[in-house]
Amino acid sequence: MSASSSKPLSEAEQIVQLEKELAWAKLKIQVLEERLRMQRIQKYGPSSEKLSNEQLELLELEPGVSNVEVQAESQREPLPVPAKRPAPRPRPGRQELPAALPRVERVIA
């Protein structure tokens, strides 16, 4: 409590003092959260990009993410969505011989 604890505080005074301490603690938490948010923005986000607090928190928890990687990812164009399915792959096995190839039939007994 305070340094003048020579006389005991009444219950009402204790409540007022605790409310003041609680208000101060809430303000301190807000200041620290804002500092952390600003550090994350400085570390991960370019000034033109607006990242939400949740996105910044995810980046902070991601192992091995560098500032360069985040900037490169933010500037990358989205991947194109394929309009149709890709052509089926050829099946493994013997390939057909060219038609122009001369053919000789031999019957082996």
N, C-alpha and C. Protein backbone atom coordinates (compact mmCIF):
# COMPACT_ATOMS: atom_id res chain seq x y z
N MET A 1 0.83 -1.18 0.00
CA MET A 1 0.00 0.00 0.00
C MET A 1 0.87 1.24 0.00
N SER A 2 0.52 2.28 0.66
CA SER A 2 1.30 3.51 0.64
C SER A 2 2.25 3.56 1.82
N ALA A 3 3.14 4.58 1.79
CA ALA A 3 4.14 4.73 2.85
C ALA A 3 3.50 5.22 4.15
N SER A 4 2.36 5.84 4.08
CA SER A 4 1.71 6.34 5.30
C SER A 4 0.75 5.29 5.84
N SER A 5 1.26 4.10 6.05
CA SER A 5 0.40 3.03 6.55
C SER A 5 0.47 2.94 8.07
N SER A 6 0.81 4.06 8.73
CA SER A 6 0.86 4.08 10.18
C SER A 6 -0.54 3.93 10.77
N LYS A 7 -1.54 4.55 10.13
CA LYS A 7 -2.91 4.35 10.60
C LYS A 7 -3.64 3.49 9.57
N PRO A 8 -4.43 2.57 10.02
CA PRO A 8 -5.13 1.69 9.08
C PRO A 8 -6.16 2.47 8.24
N LEU A 9 -6.25 2.11 6.96
CA LEU A 9 -7.19 2.77 6.06
C LEU A 9 -8.58 2.18 6.27
N SER A 10 -9.56 3.04 6.12
CA SER A 10 -10.93 2.53 6.20
C SER A 10 -11.23 1.73 4.94
N GLU A 11 -12.30 0.99 4.97
CA GLU A 11 -12.67 0.15 3.84
C GLU A 11 -12.93 1.00 2.59
N ALA A 12 -13.57 2.14 2.73
CA ALA A 12 -13.85 3.02 1.60
C ALA A 12 -12.56 3.56 1.00
N GLU A 13 -11.59 3.93 1.87
CA GLU A 13 -10.30 4.43 1.38
C GLU A 13 -9.53 3.34 0.65
N GLN A 14 -9.61 2.11 1.17
CA GLN A 14 -8.95 0.99 0.52
C GLN A 14 -9.53 0.75 -0.87
N ILE A 15 -10.87 0.85 -0.99
CA ILE A 15 -11.53 0.66 -2.27
C ILE A 15 -11.09 1.72 -3.26
N VAL A 16 -11.04 2.97 -2.82
CA VAL A 16 -10.62 4.06 -3.69
C VAL A 16 -9.18 3.85 -4.15
N GLN A 17 -8.31 3.47 -3.21
CA GLN A 17 -6.91 3.26 -3.54
C GLN A 17 -6.77 2.09 -4.53
N LEU A 18 -7.49 1.00 -4.32
CA LEU A 18 -7.42 -0.14 -5.21
C LEU A 18 -7.97 0.19 -6.59
N GLU A 19 -9.01 1.02 -6.65
CA GLU A 19 -9.56 1.44 -7.94
C GLU A 19 -8.53 2.28 -8.71
N LYS A 20 -7.81 3.14 -8.00
CA LYS A 20 -6.77 3.94 -8.64
C LYS A 20 -5.66 3.03 -9.19
N GLU A 21 -5.25 2.06 -8.39
CA GLU A 21 -4.21 1.13 -8.83
C GLU A 21 -4.68 0.32 -10.03
N LEU A 22 -5.94 -0.08 -10.03
CA LEU A 22 -6.49 -0.84 -11.15
C LEU A 22 -6.53 0.01 -12.42
N ALA A 23 -6.95 1.26 -12.29
CA ALA A 23 -6.99 2.16 -13.44
C ALA A 23 -5.57 2.36 -13.99
N TRP A 24 -4.60 2.54 -13.09
CA TRP A 24 -3.21 2.72 -13.53
C TRP A 24 -2.71 1.47 -14.23
N ALA A 25 -3.04 0.29 -13.70
CA ALA A 25 -2.60 -0.97 -14.31
C ALA A 25 -3.20 -1.15 -15.69
N LYS A 26 -4.47 -0.79 -15.86
CA LYS A 26 -5.12 -0.89 -17.17
C LYS A 26 -4.44 0.03 -18.19
N LEU A 27 -4.12 1.25 -17.78
CA LEU A 27 -3.43 2.17 -18.67
C LEU A 27 -2.04 1.65 -19.04
N LYS A 28 -1.34 1.08 -18.07
CA LYS A 28 -0.01 0.53 -18.32
C LYS A 28 -0.09 -0.62 -19.33
N ILE A 29 -1.10 -1.47 -19.19
CA ILE A 29 -1.29 -2.58 -20.13
C ILE A 29 -1.55 -2.05 -21.53
N GLN A 30 -2.39 -1.02 -21.64
CA GLN A 30 -2.67 -0.44 -22.95
C GLN A 30 -1.41 0.12 -23.60
N VAL A 31 -0.60 0.80 -22.82
CA VAL A 31 0.64 1.38 -23.34
C VAL A 31 1.58 0.27 -23.81
N LEU A 32 1.72 -0.77 -23.01
CA LEU A 32 2.61 -1.87 -23.38
C LEU A 32 2.11 -2.62 -24.61
N GLU A 33 0.80 -2.83 -24.71
CA GLU A 33 0.24 -3.50 -25.89
C GLU A 33 0.47 -2.65 -27.14
N GLU A 34 0.32 -1.34 -27.02
CA GLU A 34 0.55 -0.47 -28.17
C GLU A 34 2.03 -0.47 -28.57
N ARG A 35 2.93 -0.49 -27.60
CA ARG A 35 4.36 -0.56 -27.89
C ARG A 35 4.68 -1.86 -28.64
N LEU A 36 4.11 -2.96 -28.16
CA LEU A 36 4.33 -4.24 -28.81
C LEU A 36 3.79 -4.23 -30.23
N ARG A 37 2.62 -3.65 -30.42
CA ARG A 37 2.01 -3.54 -31.74
C ARG A 37 2.90 -2.73 -32.68
N MET A 38 3.42 -1.62 -32.18
CA MET A 38 4.28 -0.77 -33.00
C MET A 38 5.60 -1.49 -33.35
N GLN A 39 6.15 -2.25 -32.41
CA GLN A 39 7.37 -3.01 -32.69
C GLN A 39 7.11 -4.06 -33.76
N ARG A 40 5.96 -4.71 -33.67
CA ARG A 40 5.64 -5.73 -34.68
C ARG A 40 5.45 -5.09 -36.05
N ILE A 41 4.82 -3.93 -36.10
CA ILE A 41 4.64 -3.24 -37.38
C ILE A 41 6.00 -2.84 -37.94
N GLN A 42 6.86 -2.33 -37.08
CA GLN A 42 8.19 -1.92 -37.53
C GLN A 42 8.98 -3.12 -38.02
N LYS A 43 8.83 -4.25 -37.38
CA LYS A 43 9.61 -5.43 -37.74
C LYS A 43 9.05 -6.14 -38.97
N TYR A 44 7.73 -6.27 -39.10
CA TYR A 44 7.15 -7.11 -40.13
C TYR A 44 6.44 -6.38 -41.26
N GLY A 45 5.88 -5.23 -41.00
CA GLY A 45 5.03 -4.64 -42.01
C GLY A 45 5.58 -3.37 -42.61
N PRO A 46 5.56 -3.28 -43.96
CA PRO A 46 5.91 -2.00 -44.58
C PRO A 46 4.87 -0.95 -44.22
N SER A 47 5.25 0.31 -44.31
CA SER A 47 4.35 1.37 -43.85
C SER A 47 3.08 1.45 -44.68
N SER A 48 3.13 1.01 -45.93
CA SER A 48 1.93 1.10 -46.76
C SER A 48 0.95 -0.02 -46.48
N GLU A 49 1.42 -1.09 -45.87
CA GLU A 49 0.56 -2.24 -45.62
C GLU A 49 -0.08 -2.12 -44.24
N LYS A 50 -1.35 -2.43 -44.16
CA LYS A 50 -2.05 -2.37 -42.89
C LYS A 50 -2.36 -3.78 -42.43
N LEU A 51 -1.60 -4.25 -41.46
CA LEU A 51 -1.81 -5.57 -40.91
C LEU A 51 -2.61 -5.46 -39.63
N SER A 52 -3.53 -6.40 -39.44
CA SER A 52 -4.31 -6.40 -38.20
C SER A 52 -3.44 -6.94 -37.07
N ASN A 53 -3.90 -6.73 -35.84
CA ASN A 53 -3.14 -7.21 -34.69
C ASN A 53 -2.99 -8.72 -34.73
N GLU A 54 -4.02 -9.42 -35.19
CA GLU A 54 -3.98 -10.87 -35.26
C GLU A 54 -2.93 -11.33 -36.27
N GLN A 55 -2.86 -10.65 -37.42
CA GLN A 55 -1.86 -11.01 -38.42
C GLN A 55 -0.45 -10.77 -37.88
N LEU A 56 -0.26 -9.65 -37.19
CA LEU A 56 1.05 -9.36 -36.61
C LEU A 56 1.43 -10.40 -35.57
N GLU A 57 0.45 -10.82 -34.78
CA GLU A 57 0.72 -11.82 -33.75
C GLU A 57 1.11 -13.15 -34.39
N LEU A 58 0.44 -13.52 -35.48
CA LEU A 58 0.79 -14.76 -36.18
C LEU A 58 2.21 -14.68 -36.73
N LEU A 59 2.58 -13.52 -37.28
CA LEU A 59 3.93 -13.36 -37.80
C LEU A 59 4.96 -13.46 -36.69
N GLU A 60 4.62 -12.93 -35.53
CA GLU A 60 5.54 -12.97 -34.39
C GLU A 60 5.77 -14.41 -33.95
N LEU A 61 4.73 -15.24 -34.02
CA LEU A 61 4.83 -16.62 -33.56
C LEU A 61 5.46 -17.54 -34.60
N GLU A 62 5.51 -17.13 -35.86
CA GLU A 62 6.04 -17.95 -36.94
C GLU A 62 7.56 -18.05 -36.83
N PRO A 63 8.11 -19.26 -36.72
CA PRO A 63 9.57 -19.37 -36.61
C PRO A 63 10.25 -19.11 -37.95
N GLY A 64 11.31 -18.36 -37.91
CA GLY A 64 12.13 -18.16 -39.10
C GLY A 64 11.57 -17.21 -40.14
N VAL A 65 10.61 -16.36 -39.80
CA VAL A 65 10.07 -15.40 -40.77
C VAL A 65 10.89 -14.12 -40.65
N SER A 66 11.46 -13.69 -41.77
CA SER A 66 12.25 -12.47 -41.75
C SER A 66 11.45 -11.32 -42.36
N ASN A 67 11.90 -10.13 -42.11
CA ASN A 67 11.25 -8.93 -42.64
C ASN A 67 11.25 -8.94 -44.16
N VAL A 68 12.32 -9.43 -44.75
CA VAL A 68 12.43 -9.49 -46.21
C VAL A 68 11.37 -10.42 -46.79
N GLU A 69 11.17 -11.56 -46.13
CA GLU A 69 10.16 -12.52 -46.60
C GLU A 69 8.75 -11.92 -46.53
N VAL A 70 8.46 -11.20 -45.46
CA VAL A 70 7.14 -10.60 -45.32
C VAL A 70 6.92 -9.55 -46.40
N GLN A 71 7.94 -8.72 -46.67
CA GLN A 71 7.80 -7.71 -47.71
C GLN A 71 7.64 -8.34 -49.08
N ALA A 72 8.41 -9.38 -49.36
CA ALA A 72 8.30 -10.06 -50.66
C ALA A 72 6.93 -10.68 -50.82
N GLU A 73 6.40 -11.26 -49.77
CA GLU A 73 5.07 -11.89 -49.83
C GLU A 73 3.98 -10.85 -50.03
N SER A 74 4.13 -9.69 -49.40
CA SER A 74 3.10 -8.66 -49.53
C SER A 74 3.09 -8.03 -50.92
N GLN A 75 4.23 -8.06 -51.63
CA GLN A 75 4.30 -7.46 -52.95
C GLN A 75 4.01 -8.47 -54.06
N ARG A 76 3.97 -9.74 -53.73
CA ARG A 76 3.74 -10.78 -54.73
C ARG A 76 2.28 -10.73 -55.21
N GLU A 77 2.11 -10.94 -56.50
CA GLU A 77 0.76 -10.96 -57.05
C GLU A 77 0.10 -12.29 -56.66
N PRO A 78 -1.23 -12.30 -56.53
CA PRO A 78 -1.89 -13.56 -56.18
C PRO A 78 -1.73 -14.58 -57.30
N LEU A 79 -1.71 -15.83 -56.91
CA LEU A 79 -1.56 -16.90 -57.88
C LEU A 79 -2.78 -16.96 -58.79
N PRO A 80 -2.58 -17.18 -60.10
CA PRO A 80 -3.73 -17.26 -61.00
C PRO A 80 -4.54 -18.53 -60.72
N VAL A 81 -5.82 -18.39 -60.83
CA VAL A 81 -6.71 -19.53 -60.62
C VAL A 81 -6.88 -20.24 -61.96
N PRO A 82 -6.57 -21.53 -62.03
CA PRO A 82 -6.70 -22.22 -63.31
C PRO A 82 -8.16 -22.28 -63.75
N ALA A 83 -8.39 -21.99 -65.04
CA ALA A 83 -9.75 -21.96 -65.57
C ALA A 83 -10.30 -23.37 -65.74
N LYS A 84 -9.45 -24.30 -66.16
CA LYS A 84 -9.92 -25.67 -66.34
C LYS A 84 -8.87 -26.64 -65.82
N ARG A 85 -9.22 -27.87 -65.77
CA ARG A 85 -8.33 -28.90 -65.26
C ARG A 85 -7.18 -29.11 -66.24
N PRO A 86 -6.01 -29.42 -65.73
CA PRO A 86 -4.88 -29.66 -66.62
C PRO A 86 -5.10 -30.95 -67.42
N ALA A 87 -4.41 -31.05 -68.56
CA ALA A 87 -4.53 -32.23 -69.43
C ALA A 87 -4.05 -33.45 -68.66
N PRO A 88 -4.68 -34.60 -68.91
CA PRO A 88 -4.25 -35.81 -68.19
C PRO A 88 -2.84 -36.21 -68.60
N ARG A 89 -2.10 -36.69 -67.66
CA ARG A 89 -0.73 -37.11 -67.91
C ARG A 89 -0.73 -38.43 -68.65
N PRO A 90 0.27 -38.65 -69.51
CA PRO A 90 0.34 -39.94 -70.20
C PRO A 90 0.60 -41.05 -69.20
N ARG A 91 0.00 -42.18 -69.45
CA ARG A 91 0.17 -43.31 -68.54
C ARG A 91 1.52 -43.98 -68.80
N PRO A 92 2.09 -44.53 -67.78
CA PRO A 92 3.38 -45.19 -67.98
C PRO A 92 3.21 -46.46 -68.82
N GLY A 93 4.25 -46.84 -69.52
CA GLY A 93 4.21 -48.05 -70.34
C GLY A 93 4.91 -47.80 -71.65
N ARG A 94 4.69 -48.70 -72.60
CA ARG A 94 5.33 -48.58 -73.90
C ARG A 94 4.71 -47.46 -74.69
N GLN A 95 5.57 -46.68 -75.33
CA GLN A 95 5.07 -45.63 -76.20
C GLN A 95 4.92 -46.19 -77.61
N GLU A 96 4.01 -45.61 -78.35
CA GLU A 96 3.75 -46.07 -79.71
C GLU A 96 4.92 -45.65 -80.61
N LEU A 97 5.32 -46.56 -81.51
CA LEU A 97 6.41 -46.27 -82.42
C LEU A 97 5.91 -45.37 -83.55
N PRO A 98 6.78 -44.55 -84.14
CA PRO A 98 6.35 -43.67 -85.23
C PRO A 98 5.87 -44.50 -86.44
N ALA A 99 4.89 -43.97 -87.17
CA ALA A 99 4.29 -44.67 -88.31
C ALA A 99 5.27 -44.79 -89.47
N ALA A 100 6.21 -43.89 -89.61
CA ALA A 100 7.14 -43.89 -90.75
C ALA A 100 8.24 -44.94 -90.59
N LEU A 101 8.34 -45.57 -89.48
CA LEU A 101 9.38 -46.54 -89.21
C LEU A 101 9.11 -47.83 -90.02
N PRO A 102 10.13 -48.35 -90.73
CA PRO A 102 9.87 -49.60 -91.48
C PRO A 102 9.64 -50.77 -90.52
N ARG A 103 8.71 -51.63 -90.91
CA ARG A 103 8.34 -52.74 -90.02
C ARG A 103 8.68 -54.06 -90.69
N VAL A 104 9.27 -54.96 -89.94
CA VAL A 104 9.61 -56.30 -90.42
C VAL A 104 9.01 -57.30 -89.46
N GLU A 105 8.19 -58.21 -90.02
CA GLU A 105 7.57 -59.22 -89.15
C GLU A 105 8.37 -60.51 -89.25
N ARG A 106 8.72 -61.07 -88.13
CA ARG A 106 9.43 -62.34 -88.08
C ARG A 106 8.66 -63.27 -87.14
N VAL A 107 8.44 -64.46 -87.58
CA VAL A 107 7.77 -65.45 -86.76
C VAL A 107 8.85 -66.40 -86.23
N ILE A 108 8.95 -66.51 -84.95
CA ILE A 108 9.96 -67.35 -84.32
C ILE A 108 9.25 -68.58 -83.77
N ALA A 109 9.74 -69.74 -84.21
CA ALA A 109 9.09 -70.97 -83.81
C ALA A 109 9.54 -71.41 -82.46
